[in-house]
Amino acid sequence: MDEGPDRLDQALGLAIRLRRHARGLSQSALGEAIGVSFQQVQKYERGSNRVSFSTMVRICQALGCQVSDLVGEVQELGAAATADGAASEPLTQPEAGPMLEALSQIRSPGVRRAVLELARSLARER
């Protein structure tokens, strides 16, 4: 009865991914800094592999933050699940991280706003 990655592991992975992007590190660079392959970093960021405490400490050292910072970000990302297991916050959705990454790579503020308005328009269409 495998239900996929735990929401908390996914939220931690998203927090790691966002911090890594903010520092301008590739998955390969982070992997090298903590002694794992970039594929392993991908698995951590997706939440498909859990991050051990010792690895979390190494990740935080590489990202220039404290473990408490990362844990706080997990809480801010709304990692708490509702009673039925659904995510209570939008940033815990699997598409959130890739969407933010893509949006952050658009250089033009006007185009970013247009993409945001398109997403809002689509959300209203439900």
PDB file of N, CA and C in Angstrom:
ATOM      1  N   MET A   1       0.835  -1.181   0.000  1.00  0.00           N
ATOM      2  CA  MET A   1       0.000   0.000   0.000  1.00  0.00           C
ATOM      3  C   MET A   1       0.880   1.243   0.000  1.00  0.00           C
ATOM      4  N   ASP A   2       1.708   1.392  -1.025  1.00  0.00           N
ATOM      5  CA  ASP A   2       2.604   2.529  -1.158  1.00  0.00           C
ATOM      6  C   ASP A   2       1.822   3.715  -1.721  1.00  0.00           C
ATOM      7  N   GLU A   3       1.741   4.793  -0.965  1.00  0.00           N
ATOM      8  CA  GLU A   3       0.983   5.968  -1.370  1.00  0.00           C
ATOM      9  C   GLU A   3       1.881   7.079  -1.886  1.00  0.00           C
ATOM     10  N   GLY A   4       3.125   6.783  -2.167  1.00  0.00           N
ATOM     11  CA  GLY A   4       4.030   7.797  -2.657  1.00  0.00           C
ATOM     12  C   GLY A   4       4.737   8.515  -1.526  1.00  0.00           C
ATOM     13  N   PRO A   5       5.502   9.541  -1.879  1.00  0.00           N
ATOM     14  CA  PRO A   5       6.274  10.277  -0.874  1.00  0.00           C
ATOM     15  C   PRO A   5       5.389  10.950   0.169  1.00  0.00           C
ATOM     16  N   ASP A   6       5.900  11.014   1.370  1.00  0.00           N
ATOM     17  CA  ASP A   6       5.217  11.695   2.460  1.00  0.00           C
ATOM     18  C   ASP A   6       5.205  13.200   2.182  1.00  0.00           C
ATOM     19  N   ARG A   7       4.122  13.877   2.537  1.00  0.00           N
ATOM     20  CA  ARG A   7       4.010  15.323   2.313  1.00  0.00           C
ATOM     21  C   ARG A   7       5.126  16.107   3.006  1.00  0.00           C
ATOM     22  N   LEU A   8       5.517  15.658   4.187  1.00  0.00           N
ATOM     23  CA  LEU A   8       6.604  16.356   4.893  1.00  0.00           C
ATOM     24  C   LEU A   8       7.924  16.207   4.148  1.00  0.00           C
ATOM     25  N   ASP A   9       8.181  15.017   3.608  1.00  0.00           N
ATOM     26  CA  ASP A   9       9.408  14.811   2.830  1.00  0.00           C
ATOM     27  C   ASP A   9       9.383  15.660   1.567  1.00  0.00           C
ATOM     28  N   GLN A  10       8.206  15.781   0.949  1.00  0.00           N
ATOM     29  CA  GLN A  10       8.084  16.627  -0.237  1.00  0.00           C
ATOM     30  C   GLN A  10       8.304  18.099   0.114  1.00  0.00           C
ATOM     31  N   ALA A  11       7.759  18.532   1.235  1.00  0.00           N
ATOM     32  CA  ALA A  11       7.928  19.927   1.651  1.00  0.00           C
ATOM     33  C   ALA A  11       9.388  20.221   1.977  1.00  0.00           C
ATOM     34  N   LEU A  12      10.068  19.276   2.626  1.00  0.00           N
ATOM     35  CA  LEU A  12      11.492  19.462   2.905  1.00  0.00           C
ATOM     36  C   LEU A  12      12.268  19.535   1.601  1.00  0.00           C
ATOM     37  N   GLY A  13      11.943  18.667   0.664  1.00  0.00           N
ATOM     38  CA  GLY A  13      12.607  18.687  -0.635  1.00  0.00           C
ATOM     39  C   GLY A  13      12.413  20.010  -1.354  1.00  0.00           C
ATOM     40  N   LEU A  14      11.206  20.544  -1.284  1.00  0.00           N
ATOM     41  CA  LEU A  14      10.929  21.838  -1.909  1.00  0.00           C
ATOM     42  C   LEU A  14      11.727  22.944  -1.229  1.00  0.00           C
ATOM     43  N   ALA A  15      11.814  22.897   0.088  1.00  0.00           N
ATOM     44  CA  ALA A  15      12.594  23.904   0.825  1.00  0.00           C
ATOM     45  C   ALA A  15      14.065  23.830   0.425  1.00  0.00           C
ATOM     46  N   ILE A  16      14.583  22.614   0.278  1.00  0.00           N
ATOM     47  CA  ILE A  16      15.977  22.444  -0.156  1.00  0.00           C
ATOM     48  C   ILE A  16      16.145  23.002  -1.562  1.00  0.00           C
ATOM     49  N   ARG A  17      15.229  22.656  -2.465  1.00  0.00           N
ATOM     50  CA  ARG A  17      15.322  23.118  -3.853  1.00  0.00           C
ATOM     51  C   ARG A  17      15.292  24.641  -3.922  1.00  0.00           C
ATOM     52  N   LEU A  18      14.377  25.274  -3.186  1.00  0.00           N
ATOM     53  CA  LEU A  18      14.281  26.732  -3.218  1.00  0.00           C
ATOM     54  C   LEU A  18      15.543  27.382  -2.667  1.00  0.00           C
ATOM     55  N   ARG A  19      16.083  26.841  -1.577  1.00  0.00           N
ATOM     56  CA  ARG A  19      17.342  27.370  -1.009  1.00  0.00           C
ATOM     57  C   ARG A  19      18.493  27.186  -1.989  1.00  0.00           C
ATOM     58  N   ARG A  20      18.533  26.014  -2.631  1.00  0.00           N
ATOM     59  CA  ARG A  20      19.622  25.725  -3.576  1.00  0.00           C
ATOM     60  C   ARG A  20      19.569  26.714  -4.733  1.00  0.00           C
ATOM     61  N   HIS A  21      18.372  26.965  -5.248  1.00  0.00           N
ATOM     62  CA  HIS A  21      18.232  27.930  -6.344  1.00  0.00           C
ATOM     63  C   HIS A  21      18.618  29.333  -5.897  1.00  0.00           C
ATOM     64  N   ALA A  22      18.222  29.695  -4.693  1.00  0.00           N
ATOM     65  CA  ALA A  22      18.568  31.032  -4.180  1.00  0.00           C
ATOM     66  C   ALA A  22      20.081  31.207  -4.077  1.00  0.00           C
ATOM     67  N   ARG A  23      20.786  30.119  -3.792  1.00  0.00           N
ATOM     68  CA  ARG A  23      22.253  30.176  -3.697  1.00  0.00           C
ATOM     69  C   ARG A  23      22.927  30.014  -5.056  1.00  0.00           C
ATOM     70  N   GLY A  24      22.152  29.710  -6.082  1.00  0.00           N
ATOM     71  CA  GLY A  24      22.706  29.550  -7.424  1.00  0.00           C
ATOM     72  C   GLY A  24      23.483  28.257  -7.604  1.00  0.00           C
ATOM     73  N   LEU A  25      23.126  27.235  -6.828  1.00  0.00           N
ATOM     74  CA  LEU A  25      23.820  25.944  -6.929  1.00  0.00           C
ATOM     75  C   LEU A  25      23.044  24.979  -7.813  1.00  0.00           C
ATOM     76  N   SER A  26      23.760  24.201  -8.582  1.00  0.00           N
ATOM     77  CA  SER A  26      23.128  23.129  -9.344  1.00  0.00           C
ATOM     78  C   SER A  26      22.956  21.916  -8.428  1.00  0.00           C
ATOM     79  N   GLN A  27      22.173  20.964  -8.871  1.00  0.00           N
ATOM     80  CA  GLN A  27      22.036  19.726  -8.113  1.00  0.00           C
ATOM     81  C   GLN A  27      23.376  19.012  -8.023  1.00  0.00           C
ATOM     82  N   SER A  28      24.150  19.083  -9.086  1.00  0.00           N
ATOM     83  CA  SER A  28      25.482  18.450  -9.080  1.00  0.00           C
ATOM     84  C   SER A  28      26.394  19.096  -8.045  1.00  0.00           C
ATOM     85  N   ALA A  29      26.374  20.431  -7.988  1.00  0.00           N
ATOM     86  CA  ALA A  29      27.230  21.137  -7.029  1.00  0.00           C
ATOM     87  C   ALA A  29      26.827  20.812  -5.592  1.00  0.00           C
ATOM     88  N   LEU A  30      25.519  20.776  -5.328  1.00  0.00           N
ATOM     89  CA  LEU A  30      25.074  20.419  -3.988  1.00  0.00           C
ATOM     90  C   LEU A  30      25.450  18.983  -3.670  1.00  0.00           C
ATOM     91  N   GLY A  31      25.241  18.088  -4.617  1.00  0.00           N
ATOM     92  CA  GLY A  31      25.603  16.688  -4.412  1.00  0.00           C
ATOM     93  C   GLY A  31      27.077  16.516  -4.091  1.00  0.00           C
ATOM     94  N   GLU A  32      27.911  17.222  -4.840  1.00  0.00           N
ATOM     95  CA  GLU A  32      29.351  17.149  -4.598  1.00  0.00           C
ATOM     96  C   GLU A  32      29.696  17.667  -3.203  1.00  0.00           C
ATOM     97  N   ALA A  33      29.045  18.740  -2.793  1.00  0.00           N
ATOM     98  CA  ALA A  33      29.317  19.335  -1.482  1.00  0.00           C
ATOM     99  C   ALA A  33      28.925  18.415  -0.326  1.00  0.00           C
ATOM    100  N   ILE A  34      27.901  17.585  -0.539  1.00  0.00           N
ATOM    101  CA  ILE A  34      27.439  16.720   0.554  1.00  0.00           C
ATOM    102  C   ILE A  34      27.828  15.255   0.348  1.00  0.00           C
ATOM    103  N   GLY A  35      28.514  14.964  -0.756  1.00  0.00           N
ATOM    104  CA  GLY A  35      29.018  13.611  -0.975  1.00  0.00           C
ATOM    105  C   GLY A  35      28.029  12.616  -1.555  1.00  0.00           C
ATOM    106  N   VAL A  36      27.080  13.126  -2.373  1.00  0.00           N
ATOM    107  CA  VAL A  36      26.134  12.234  -3.051  1.00  0.00           C
ATOM    108  C   VAL A  36      26.041  12.639  -4.516  1.00  0.00           C
ATOM    109  N   SER A  37      25.401  11.805  -5.336  1.00  0.00           N
ATOM    110  CA  SER A  37      25.222  12.108  -6.752  1.00  0.00           C
ATOM    111  C   SER A  37      24.106  13.139  -6.940  1.00  0.00           C
ATOM    112  N   PHE A  38      24.095  13.752  -8.114  1.00  0.00           N
ATOM    113  CA  PHE A  38      23.015  14.705  -8.381  1.00  0.00           C
ATOM    114  C   PHE A  38      21.673  13.980  -8.443  1.00  0.00           C
ATOM    115  N   GLN A  39      21.691  12.689  -8.836  1.00  0.00           N
ATOM    116  CA  GLN A  39      20.448  11.922  -8.856  1.00  0.00           C
ATOM    117  C   GLN A  39      19.877  11.776  -7.445  1.00  0.00           C
ATOM    118  N   GLN A  40      20.772  11.611  -6.469  1.00  0.00           N
ATOM    119  CA  GLN A  40      20.318  11.503  -5.085  1.00  0.00           C
ATOM    120  C   GLN A  40      19.720  12.832  -4.625  1.00  0.00           C
ATOM    121  N   VAL A  41      20.336  13.933  -5.020  1.00  0.00           N
ATOM    122  CA  VAL A  41      19.788  15.251  -4.684  1.00  0.00           C
ATOM    123  C   VAL A  41      18.393  15.390  -5.293  1.00  0.00           C
ATOM    124  N   GLN A  42      18.220  14.922  -6.532  1.00  0.00           N
ATOM    125  CA  GLN A  42      16.898  14.960  -7.164  1.00  0.00           C
ATOM    126  C   GLN A  42      15.881  14.198  -6.329  1.00  0.00           C
ATOM    127  N   LYS A  43      16.262  13.039  -5.846  1.00  0.00           N
ATOM    128  CA  LYS A  43      15.354  12.219  -5.038  1.00  0.00           C
ATOM    129  C   LYS A  43      15.017  12.916  -3.725  1.00  0.00           C
ATOM    130  N   TYR A  44      16.013  13.564  -3.106  1.00  0.00           N
ATOM    131  CA  TYR A  44      15.732  14.331  -1.885  1.00  0.00           C
ATOM    132  C   TYR A  44      14.743  15.447  -2.182  1.00  0.00           C
ATOM    133  N   GLU A  45      14.973  16.166  -3.277  1.00  0.00           N
ATOM    134  CA  GLU A  45      14.145  17.316  -3.607  1.00  0.00           C
ATOM    135  C   GLU A  45      12.719  16.918  -3.982  1.00  0.00           C
ATOM    136  N   ARG A  46      12.548  15.745  -4.545  1.00  0.00           N
ATOM    137  CA  ARG A  46      11.202  15.252  -4.857  1.00  0.00           C
ATOM    138  C   ARG A  46      10.513  14.659  -3.634  1.00  0.00           C
ATOM    139  N   GLY A  47      11.307  14.341  -2.620  1.00  0.00           N
ATOM    140  CA  GLY A  47      10.747  13.704  -1.437  1.00  0.00           C
ATOM    141  C   GLY A  47      10.636  12.206  -1.572  1.00  0.00           C
ATOM    142  N   SER A  48      11.150  11.648  -2.671  1.00  0.00           N
ATOM    143  CA  SER A  48      11.064  10.204  -2.865  1.00  0.00           C
ATOM    144  C   SER A  48      12.076   9.462  -1.996  1.00  0.00           C
ATOM    145  N   ASN A  49      13.160  10.122  -1.626  1.00  0.00           N
ATOM    146  CA  ASN A  49      14.107   9.582  -0.645  1.00  0.00           C
ATOM    147  C   ASN A  49      14.143  10.537   0.543  1.00  0.00           C
ATOM    148  N   ARG A  50      14.067   9.968   1.717  1.00  0.00           N
ATOM    149  CA  ARG A  50      14.105  10.797   2.926  1.00  0.00           C
ATOM    150  C   ARG A  50      15.512  11.272   3.211  1.00  0.00           C
ATOM    151  N   VAL A  51      15.596  12.454   3.786  1.00  0.00           N
ATOM    152  CA  VAL A  51      16.876  13.063   4.150  1.00  0.00           C
ATOM    153  C   VAL A  51      17.165  12.711   5.606  1.00  0.00           C
ATOM    154  N   SER A  52      18.281  12.023   5.841  1.00  0.00           N
ATOM    155  CA  SER A  52      18.662  11.716   7.220  1.00  0.00           C
ATOM    156  C   SER A  52      19.129  12.998   7.905  1.00  0.00           C
ATOM    157  N   PHE A  53      19.183  12.968   9.217  1.00  0.00           N
ATOM    158  CA  PHE A  53      19.592  14.165   9.947  1.00  0.00           C
ATOM    159  C   PHE A  53      21.026  14.567   9.585  1.00  0.00           C
ATOM    160  N   SER A  54      21.926  13.595   9.495  1.00  0.00           N
ATOM    161  CA  SER A  54      23.322  13.931   9.165  1.00  0.00           C
ATOM    162  C   SER A  54      23.407  14.552   7.772  1.00  0.00           C
ATOM    163  N   THR A  55      22.610  14.055   6.843  1.00  0.00           N
ATOM    164  CA  THR A  55      22.595  14.634   5.503  1.00  0.00           C
ATOM    165  C   THR A  55      21.984  16.022   5.529  1.00  0.00           C
ATOM    166  N   MET A  56      20.945  16.207   6.341  1.00  0.00           N
ATOM    167  CA  MET A  56      20.337  17.533   6.450  1.00  0.00           C
ATOM    168  C   MET A  56      21.345  18.551   6.973  1.00  0.00           C
ATOM    169  N   VAL A  57      22.147  18.149   7.939  1.00  0.00           N
ATOM    170  CA  VAL A  57      23.173  19.044   8.469  1.00  0.00           C
ATOM    171  C   VAL A  57      24.163  19.409   7.362  1.00  0.00           C
ATOM    172  N   ARG A  58      24.601  18.414   6.575  1.00  0.00           N
ATOM    173  CA  ARG A  58      25.538  18.693   5.475  1.00  0.00           C
ATOM    174  C   ARG A  58      24.892  19.590   4.416  1.00  0.00           C
ATOM    175  N   ILE A  59      23.627  19.344   4.115  1.00  0.00           N
ATOM    176  CA  ILE A  59      22.916  20.183   3.145  1.00  0.00           C
ATOM    177  C   ILE A  59      22.869  21.628   3.647  1.00  0.00           C
ATOM    178  N   CYS A  60      22.534  21.803   4.901  1.00  0.00           N
ATOM    179  CA  CYS A  60      22.457  23.151   5.467  1.00  0.00           C
ATOM    180  C   CYS A  60      23.810  23.848   5.446  1.00  0.00           C
ATOM    181  N   GLN A  61      24.881  23.108   5.730  1.00  0.00           N
ATOM    182  CA  GLN A  61      26.215  23.699   5.660  1.00  0.00           C
ATOM    183  C   GLN A  61      26.501  24.165   4.239  1.00  0.00           C
ATOM    184  N   ALA A  62      26.147  23.330   3.248  1.00  0.00           N
ATOM    185  CA  ALA A  62      26.395  23.682   1.851  1.00  0.00           C
ATOM    186  C   ALA A  62      25.532  24.861   1.399  1.00  0.00           C
ATOM    187  N   LEU A  63      24.342  24.986   1.978  1.00  0.00           N
ATOM    188  CA  LEU A  63      23.427  26.058   1.587  1.00  0.00           C
ATOM    189  C   LEU A  63      23.567  27.305   2.454  1.00  0.00           C
ATOM    190  N   GLY A  64      24.452  27.244   3.450  1.00  0.00           N
ATOM    191  CA  GLY A  64      24.691  28.411   4.294  1.00  0.00           C
ATOM    192  C   GLY A  64      23.527  28.750   5.197  1.00  0.00           C
ATOM    193  N   CYS A  65      22.863  27.735   5.724  1.00  0.00           N
ATOM    194  CA  CYS A  65      21.739  27.986   6.628  1.00  0.00           C
ATOM    195  C   CYS A  65      21.796  27.020   7.801  1.00  0.00           C
ATOM    196  N   GLN A  66      20.915  27.215   8.752  1.00  0.00           N
ATOM    197  CA  GLN A  66      20.806  26.336   9.916  1.00  0.00           C
ATOM    198  C   GLN A  66      19.708  25.306   9.657  1.00  0.00           C
ATOM    199  N   VAL A  67      19.798  24.172  10.331  1.00  0.00           N
ATOM    200  CA  VAL A  67      18.744  23.160  10.227  1.00  0.00           C
ATOM    201  C   VAL A  67      17.407  23.777  10.625  1.00  0.00           C
ATOM    202  N   SER A  68      17.405  24.610  11.643  1.00  0.00           N
ATOM    203  CA  SER A  68      16.155  25.241  12.099  1.00  0.00           C
ATOM    204  C   SER A  68      15.557  26.124  11.007  1.00  0.00           C
ATOM    205  N   ASP A  69      16.392  26.728  10.157  1.00  0.00           N
ATOM    206  CA  ASP A  69      15.888  27.534   9.048  1.00  0.00           C
ATOM    207  C   ASP A  69      15.097  26.661   8.076  1.00  0.00           C
ATOM    208  N   LEU A  70      15.678  25.511   7.753  1.00  0.00           N
ATOM    209  CA  LEU A  70      15.030  24.602   6.813  1.00  0.00           C
ATOM    210  C   LEU A  70      13.730  24.043   7.392  1.00  0.00           C
ATOM    211  N   VAL A  71      13.764  23.670   8.652  1.00  0.00           N
ATOM    212  CA  VAL A  71      12.560  23.157   9.309  1.00  0.00           C
ATOM    213  C   VAL A  71      11.482  24.243   9.342  1.00  0.00           C
ATOM    214  N   GLY A  72      11.876  25.477   9.636  1.00  0.00           N
ATOM    215  CA  GLY A  72      10.919  26.585   9.631  1.00  0.00           C
ATOM    216  C   GLY A  72      10.294  26.782   8.264  1.00  0.00           C
ATOM    217  N   GLU A  73      11.093  26.614   7.219  1.00  0.00           N
ATOM    218  CA  GLU A  73      10.566  26.757   5.865  1.00  0.00           C
ATOM    219  C   GLU A  73       9.572  25.650   5.546  1.00  0.00           C
ATOM    220  N   VAL A  74       9.832  24.456   6.045  1.00  0.00           N
ATOM    221  CA  VAL A  74       8.884  23.357   5.842  1.00  0.00           C
ATOM    222  C   VAL A  74       7.546  23.735   6.466  1.00  0.00           C
ATOM    223  N   GLN A  75       7.587  24.300   7.657  1.00  0.00           N
ATOM    224  CA  GLN A  75       6.347  24.723   8.313  1.00  0.00           C
ATOM    225  C   GLN A  75       5.674  25.834   7.526  1.00  0.00           C
ATOM    226  N   GLU A  76       6.458  26.785   7.021  1.00  0.00           N
ATOM    227  CA  GLU A  76       5.899  27.888   6.244  1.00  0.00           C
ATOM    228  C   GLU A  76       5.294  27.407   4.932  1.00  0.00           C
ATOM    229  N   LEU A  77       5.855  26.365   4.357  1.00  0.00           N
ATOM    230  CA  LEU A  77       5.339  25.843   3.097  1.00  0.00           C
ATOM    231  C   LEU A  77       4.032  25.080   3.286  1.00  0.00           C
ATOM    232  N   GLY A  78       3.602  24.991   4.531  1.00  0.00           N
ATOM    233  CA  GLY A  78       2.320  24.358   4.779  1.00  0.00           C
ATOM    234  C   GLY A  78       2.361  22.860   4.662  1.00  0.00           C
ATOM    235  N   ALA A  79       3.394  22.243   5.205  1.00  0.00           N
ATOM    236  CA  ALA A  79       3.564  20.807   5.049  1.00  0.00           C
ATOM    237  C   ALA A  79       2.576  19.988   5.854  1.00  0.00           C
ATOM    238  N   ALA A  80       1.857  20.620   6.741  1.00  0.00           N
ATOM    239  CA  ALA A  80       0.875  19.860   7.519  1.00  0.00           C
ATOM    240  C   ALA A  80      -0.225  19.368   6.595  1.00  0.00           C
ATOM    241  N   ALA A  81      -0.536  18.114   6.689  1.00  0.00           N
ATOM    242  CA  ALA A  81      -1.589  17.534   5.854  1.00  0.00           C
ATOM    243  C   ALA A  81      -2.914  17.569   6.611  1.00  0.00           C
ATOM    244  N   THR A  82      -3.981  17.655   5.858  1.00  0.00           N
ATOM    245  CA  THR A  82      -5.295  17.602   6.485  1.00  0.00           C
ATOM    246  C   THR A  82      -5.594  16.162   6.881  1.00  0.00           C
ATOM    247  N   ALA A  83      -6.672  15.965   7.588  1.00  0.00           N
ATOM    248  CA  ALA A  83      -7.018  14.631   8.086  1.00  0.00           C
ATOM    249  C   ALA A  83      -7.165  13.618   6.961  1.00  0.00           C
ATOM    250  N   ASP A  84      -7.634  14.053   5.782  1.00  0.00           N
ATOM    251  CA  ASP A  84      -7.809  13.098   4.685  1.00  0.00           C
ATOM    252  C   ASP A  84      -6.544  12.929   3.853  1.00  0.00           C
ATOM    253  N   GLY A  85      -5.452  13.569   4.270  1.00  0.00           N
ATOM    254  CA  GLY A  85      -4.170  13.401   3.590  1.00  0.00           C
ATOM    255  C   GLY A  85      -3.915  14.389   2.472  1.00  0.00           C
ATOM    256  N   ALA A  86      -4.862  15.231   2.175  1.00  0.00           N
ATOM    257  CA  ALA A  86      -4.662  16.220   1.118  1.00  0.00           C
ATOM    258  C   ALA A  86      -3.812  17.361   1.648  1.00  0.00           C
ATOM    259  N   ALA A  87      -3.060  17.963   0.768  1.00  0.00           N
ATOM    260  CA  ALA A  87      -2.214  19.084   1.166  1.00  0.00           C
ATOM    261  C   ALA A  87      -3.080  20.256   1.576  1.00  0.00           C
ATOM    262  N   SER A  88      -2.675  20.937   2.649  1.00  0.00           N
ATOM    263  CA  SER A  88      -3.444  22.084   3.105  1.00  0.00           C
ATOM    264  C   SER A  88      -2.936  23.374   2.494  1.00  0.00           C
ATOM    265  N   GLU A  89      -1.809  23.359   1.832  1.00  0.00           N
ATOM    266  CA  GLU A  89      -1.234  24.558   1.247  1.00  0.00           C
ATOM    267  C   GLU A  89      -0.808  24.292  -0.194  1.00  0.00           C
ATOM    268  N   PRO A  90      -0.944  25.287  -1.059  1.00  0.00           N
ATOM    269  CA  PRO A  90      -0.597  25.099  -2.466  1.00  0.00           C
ATOM    270  C   PRO A  90       0.858  24.714  -2.715  1.00  0.00           C
ATOM    271  N   LEU A  91       1.790  25.226  -1.915  1.00  0.00           N
ATOM    272  CA  LEU A  91       3.197  24.945  -2.174  1.00  0.00           C
ATOM    273  C   LEU A  91       3.599  23.502  -1.890  1.00  0.00           C
ATOM    274  N   THR A  92       2.723  22.706  -1.304  1.00  0.00           N
ATOM    275  CA  THR A  92       3.044  21.298  -1.089  1.00  0.00           C
ATOM    276  C   THR A  92       2.641  20.446  -2.283  1.00  0.00           C
ATOM    277  N   GLN A  93       1.982  21.050  -3.283  1.00  0.00           N
ATOM    278  CA  GLN A  93       1.610  20.305  -4.479  1.00  0.00           C
ATOM    279  C   GLN A  93       2.863  19.965  -5.278  1.00  0.00           C
ATOM    280  N   PRO A  94       2.912  18.789  -5.901  1.00  0.00           N
ATOM    281  CA  PRO A  94       4.110  18.372  -6.633  1.00  0.00           C
ATOM    282  C   PRO A  94       4.521  19.338  -7.742  1.00  0.00           C
ATOM    283  N   GLU A  95       3.566  20.044  -8.321  1.00  0.00           N
ATOM    284  CA  GLU A  95       3.867  20.952  -9.426  1.00  0.00           C
ATOM    285  C   GLU A  95       4.411  22.302  -8.964  1.00  0.00           C
ATOM    286  N   ALA A  96       4.299  22.597  -7.681  1.00  0.00           N
ATOM    287  CA  ALA A  96       4.659  23.923  -7.174  1.00  0.00           C
ATOM    288  C   ALA A  96       6.132  24.251  -7.402  1.00  0.00           C
ATOM    289  N   GLY A  97       7.010  23.354  -7.034  1.00  0.00           N
ATOM    290  CA  GLY A  97       8.442  23.612  -7.184  1.00  0.00           C
ATOM    291  C   GLY A  97       8.843  23.865  -8.627  1.00  0.00           C
ATOM    292  N   PRO A  98       8.493  22.942  -9.549  1.00  0.00           N
ATOM    293  CA  PRO A  98       8.846  23.181 -10.950  1.00  0.00           C
ATOM    294  C   PRO A  98       8.227  24.457 -11.514  1.00  0.00           C
ATOM    295  N   MET A  99       7.003  24.790 -11.079  1.00  0.00           N
ATOM    296  CA  MET A  99       6.365  26.013 -11.555  1.00  0.00           C
ATOM    297  C   MET A  99       7.142  27.240 -11.086  1.00  0.00           C
ATOM    298  N   LEU A 100       7.539  27.261  -9.823  1.00  0.00           N
ATOM    299  CA  LEU A 100       8.316  28.378  -9.294  1.00  0.00           C
ATOM    300  C   LEU A 100       9.679  28.484  -9.983  1.00  0.00           C
ATOM    301  N   GLU A 101      10.301  27.334 -10.237  1.00  0.00           N
ATOM    302  CA  GLU A 101      11.597  27.343 -10.921  1.00  0.00           C
ATOM    303  C   GLU A 101      11.459  27.943 -12.316  1.00  0.00           C
ATOM    304  N   ALA A 102      10.433  27.490 -13.061  1.00  0.00           N
ATOM    305  CA  ALA A 102      10.233  28.004 -14.415  1.00  0.00           C
ATOM    306  C   ALA A 102       9.931  29.493 -14.393  1.00  0.00           C
ATOM    307  N   LEU A 103       9.069  29.911 -13.478  1.00  0.00           N
ATOM    308  CA  LEU A 103       8.708  31.317 -13.374  1.00  0.00           C
ATOM    309  C   LEU A 103       9.929  32.180 -13.039  1.00  0.00           C
ATOM    310  N   SER A 104      10.779  31.680 -12.161  1.00  0.00           N
ATOM    311  CA  SER A 104      11.957  32.455 -11.763  1.00  0.00           C
ATOM    312  C   SER A 104      12.962  32.620 -12.899  1.00  0.00           C
ATOM    313  N   GLN A 105      12.878  31.778 -13.916  1.00  0.00           N
ATOM    314  CA  GLN A 105      13.819  31.857 -15.036  1.00  0.00           C
ATOM    315  C   GLN A 105      13.355  32.806 -16.139  1.00  0.00           C
ATOM    316  N   ILE A 106      12.134  33.310 -16.017  1.00  0.00           N
ATOM    317  CA  ILE A 106      11.635  34.290 -16.984  1.00  0.00           C
ATOM    318  C   ILE A 106      12.198  35.648 -16.590  1.00  0.00           C
ATOM    319  N   ARG A 107      12.977  36.240 -17.471  1.00  0.00           N
ATOM    320  CA  ARG A 107      13.679  37.486 -17.150  1.00  0.00           C
ATOM    321  C   ARG A 107      12.767  38.713 -17.133  1.00  0.00           C
ATOM    322  N   SER A 108      11.791  38.744 -17.987  1.00  0.00           N
ATOM    323  CA  SER A 108      10.946  39.928 -18.124  1.00  0.00           C
ATOM    324  C   SER A 108       9.861  39.968 -17.049  1.00  0.00           C
ATOM    325  N   PRO A 109       9.834  41.047 -16.240  1.00  0.00           N
ATOM    326  CA  PRO A 109       8.776  41.172 -15.232  1.00  0.00           C
ATOM    327  C   PRO A 109       7.385  41.169 -15.852  1.00  0.00           C
ATOM    328  N   GLY A 110       7.245  41.770 -17.022  1.00  0.00           N
ATOM    329  CA  GLY A 110       5.952  41.800 -17.694  1.00  0.00           C
ATOM    330  C   GLY A 110       5.486  40.408 -18.099  1.00  0.00           C
ATOM    331  N   VAL A 111       6.400  39.613 -18.587  1.00  0.00           N
ATOM    332  CA  VAL A 111       6.049  38.242 -18.980  1.00  0.00           C
ATOM    333  C   VAL A 111       5.705  37.413 -17.737  1.00  0.00           C
ATOM    334  N   ARG A 112       6.468  37.608 -16.650  1.00  0.00           N
ATOM    335  CA  ARG A 112       6.152  36.892 -15.395  1.00  0.00           C
ATOM    336  C   ARG A 112       4.741  37.242 -14.923  1.00  0.00           C
ATOM    337  N   ARG A 113       4.393  38.522 -14.978  1.00  0.00           N
ATOM    338  CA  ARG A 113       3.043  38.940 -14.571  1.00  0.00           C
ATOM    339  C   ARG A 113       1.992  38.317 -15.478  1.00  0.00           C
ATOM    340  N   ALA A 114       2.287  38.246 -16.782  1.00  0.00           N
ATOM    341  CA  ALA A 114       1.339  37.656 -17.731  1.00  0.00           C
ATOM    342  C   ALA A 114       1.131  36.165 -17.430  1.00  0.00           C
ATOM    343  N   VAL A 115       2.196  35.470 -17.102  1.00  0.00           N
ATOM    344  CA  VAL A 115       2.080  34.052 -16.745  1.00  0.00           C
ATOM    345  C   VAL A 115       1.249  33.905 -15.475  1.00  0.00           C
ATOM    346  N   LEU A 116       1.482  34.768 -14.507  1.00  0.00           N
ATOM    347  CA  LEU A 116       0.708  34.730 -13.266  1.00  0.00           C
ATOM    348  C   LEU A 116      -0.773  34.974 -13.555  1.00  0.00           C
ATOM    349  N   GLU A 117      -1.069  35.962 -14.382  1.00  0.00           N
ATOM    350  CA  GLU A 117      -2.468  36.250 -14.717  1.00  0.00           C
ATOM    351  C   GLU A 117      -3.106  35.089 -15.472  1.00  0.00           C
ATOM    352  N   LEU A 118      -2.353  34.435 -16.352  1.00  0.00           N
ATOM    353  CA  LEU A 118      -2.861  33.258 -17.056  1.00  0.00           C
ATOM    354  C   LEU A 118      -3.206  32.161 -16.059  1.00  0.00           C
ATOM    355  N   ALA A 119      -2.315  31.896 -15.111  1.00  0.00           N
ATOM    356  CA  ALA A 119      -2.568  30.859 -14.093  1.00  0.00           C
ATOM    357  C   ALA A 119      -3.799  31.215 -13.275  1.00  0.00           C
ATOM    358  N   ARG A 120      -3.930  32.472 -12.888  1.00  0.00           N
ATOM    359  CA  ARG A 120      -5.106  32.891 -12.110  1.00  0.00           C
ATOM    360  C   ARG A 120      -6.383  32.719 -12.927  1.00  0.00           C
ATOM    361  N   SER A 121      -6.329  33.061 -14.202  1.00  0.00           N
ATOM    362  CA  SER A 121      -7.482  32.915 -15.072  1.00  0.00           C
ATOM    363  C   SER A 121      -7.876  31.444 -15.199  1.00  0.00           C
ATOM    364  N   LEU A 122      -6.916  30.578 -15.378  1.00  0.00           N
ATOM    365  CA  LEU A 122      -7.183  29.148 -15.471  1.00  0.00           C
ATOM    366  C   LEU A 122      -7.761  28.602 -14.170  1.00  0.00           C
ATOM    367  N   ALA A 123      -7.295  29.117 -13.042  1.00  0.00           N
ATOM    368  CA  ALA A 123      -7.795  28.666 -11.743  1.00  0.00           C
ATOM    369  C   ALA A 123      -9.255  29.045 -11.562  1.00  0.00           C
ATOM    370  N   ARG A 124      -9.642  30.179 -12.087  1.00  0.00           N
ATOM    371  CA  ARG A 124     -11.038  30.622 -11.976  1.00  0.00           C
ATOM    372  C   ARG A 124     -11.958  29.770 -12.851  1.00  0.00           C
ATOM    373  N   GLU A 125     -11.425  29.147 -13.885  1.00  0.00           N
ATOM    374  CA  GLU A 125     -12.214  28.359 -14.837  1.00  0.00           C
ATOM    375  C   GLU A 125     -12.714  27.049 -14.254  1.00  0.00           C
ATOM    376  N   ARG A 126     -12.105  26.548 -13.239  1.00  0.00           N
ATOM    377  CA  ARG A 126     -12.441  25.241 -12.635  1.00  0.00           C
ATOM    378  C   ARG A 126     -13.684  24.727 -13.192  1.00  0.00           C
TER     379      ARG A 126
END
